[in-house]
């Protein structure tokens, strides 16, 4: 434990920021999971409405410095590909 007052304060601030960032990351992961669950259930309309919310949270995480921009770009691309594949799968099923 630090003895210097300013270092004690920095430790407290770091712990507080860690808690805030962790909760934001959890919220972001849940949004991503909701989109994937909707796609797996075949509810494409719901997935398309949830997709912008998830992308927005991913962008906010970059803006806040929680994750690297390349990681966010990869997540957004993967999520878009997931939704597009589900759309294609639903389209094939409707065509039959």
Protein backbone atom coordinates (compact mmCIF):
# COMPACT_ATOMS: atom_id res chain seq x y z
CA UNK A 1 0.00 0.00 0.00
CA UNK A 2 1.24 3.45 -0.86
CA UNK A 3 2.15 5.93 1.87
CA UNK A 4 1.95 9.06 -0.22
CA UNK A 5 -1.46 10.75 -0.28
CA UNK A 6 -1.45 11.39 -4.04
CA UNK A 7 -0.56 7.76 -4.75
CA UNK A 8 -3.41 6.56 -2.53
CA UNK A 9 -5.74 8.78 -4.53
CA UNK A 10 -4.38 7.44 -7.85
CA UNK A 11 -5.00 3.88 -6.64
CA UNK A 12 -8.61 4.75 -5.75
CA UNK A 13 -9.15 6.45 -9.11
CA UNK A 14 -7.67 3.46 -10.92
CA UNK A 15 -9.96 1.05 -9.10
CA UNK A 16 -12.99 3.23 -9.85
CA UNK A 17 -12.08 3.50 -13.54
CA UNK A 18 -11.50 -0.25 -13.71
CA UNK A 19 -15.00 -0.88 -12.34
CA UNK A 20 -16.56 1.56 -14.83
CA UNK A 21 -14.64 0.09 -17.78
CA UNK A 22 -15.45 -3.47 -16.76
CA UNK A 23 -19.17 -2.75 -16.56
CA UNK A 24 -19.07 -1.02 -19.96
CA UNK A 25 -17.25 -3.99 -21.52
CA UNK A 26 -19.86 -6.33 -20.07
CA UNK A 27 -22.67 -4.19 -21.48
CA UNK A 28 -20.98 -4.20 -24.89
CA UNK A 29 -20.49 -7.99 -24.87
CA UNK A 30 -24.15 -8.50 -23.90
CA UNK A 31 -25.26 -6.29 -26.82
CA UNK A 32 -23.13 -8.36 -29.20
CA UNK A 33 -24.52 -11.57 -27.78
CA UNK A 34 -28.12 -10.34 -28.18
CA UNK A 35 -27.51 -9.79 -31.90
CA UNK A 36 -26.00 -13.27 -32.31
CA UNK A 37 -28.82 -14.93 -30.36
CA UNK A 38 -31.41 -13.16 -32.52
CA UNK A 39 -29.61 -14.36 -35.66
CA UNK A 40 -29.42 -17.92 -34.37
CA UNK A 41 -33.14 -17.84 -33.55
CA UNK A 42 -33.87 -16.70 -37.10
CA UNK A 43 -35.26 -13.34 -36.00
CA UNK A 44 -33.46 -11.24 -38.62
CA UNK A 45 -35.60 -8.13 -38.08
CA UNK A 46 -34.72 -8.05 -34.39
CA UNK A 47 -31.04 -8.65 -35.15
CA UNK A 48 -31.03 -5.73 -37.60
CA UNK A 49 -32.53 -3.42 -34.98
CA UNK A 50 -30.03 -4.55 -32.32
CA UNK A 51 -27.02 -4.31 -34.64
CA UNK A 52 -26.71 -0.48 -34.64
CA UNK A 53 -26.88 -0.42 -30.84
CA UNK A 54 -24.08 -2.98 -30.57
CA UNK A 55 -21.95 -1.13 -33.13
CA UNK A 56 -22.53 2.11 -31.26
CA UNK A 57 -21.31 0.56 -28.01
CA UNK A 58 -18.25 -0.83 -29.77
CA UNK A 59 -17.46 2.63 -31.17
CA UNK A 60 -17.92 4.19 -27.74
CA UNK A 61 -15.46 1.72 -26.26
CA UNK A 62 -12.82 2.96 -28.70
CA UNK A 63 -13.65 6.58 -27.96
CA UNK A 64 -13.28 5.93 -24.23
CA UNK A 65 -9.99 4.11 -24.78
CA UNK A 66 -11.30 0.81 -23.45
CA UNK A 67 -10.28 -1.20 -26.49
CA UNK A 68 -8.01 -0.86 -29.49
CA UNK A 69 -9.52 0.52 -32.72
CA UNK A 70 -8.47 -2.56 -34.70
CA UNK A 71 -10.21 -4.84 -32.21
CA UNK A 72 -13.39 -2.79 -32.56
CA UNK A 73 -13.17 -2.88 -36.35
CA UNK A 74 -12.77 -6.65 -36.25
CA UNK A 75 -15.76 -7.03 -33.91
CA UNK A 76 -17.98 -4.83 -36.07
CA UNK A 77 -16.97 -6.66 -39.24
CA UNK A 78 -17.56 -10.04 -37.63
CA UNK A 79 -20.96 -8.97 -36.34
CA UNK A 80 -22.02 -7.61 -39.74
CA UNK A 81 -20.88 -10.82 -41.43
CA UNK A 82 -22.84 -12.84 -38.87
CA UNK A 83 -26.04 -10.91 -39.57
CA UNK A 84 -25.53 -11.05 -43.35
CA UNK A 85 -24.96 -14.81 -43.21
CA UNK A 86 -28.15 -15.23 -41.18
CA UNK A 87 -30.01 -13.11 -43.75
CA UNK A 88 -28.69 -15.26 -46.58
CA UNK A 89 -29.63 -18.43 -44.71
CA UNK A 90 -33.15 -17.08 -44.09
CA UNK A 91 -33.43 -16.10 -47.76
CA UNK A 92 -32.47 -19.62 -48.88
CA UNK A 93 -35.01 -21.14 -46.51
CA UNK A 94 -37.74 -18.82 -47.85
CA UNK A 95 -36.84 -19.65 -51.45
CA UNK A 96 -37.38 -23.38 -50.91
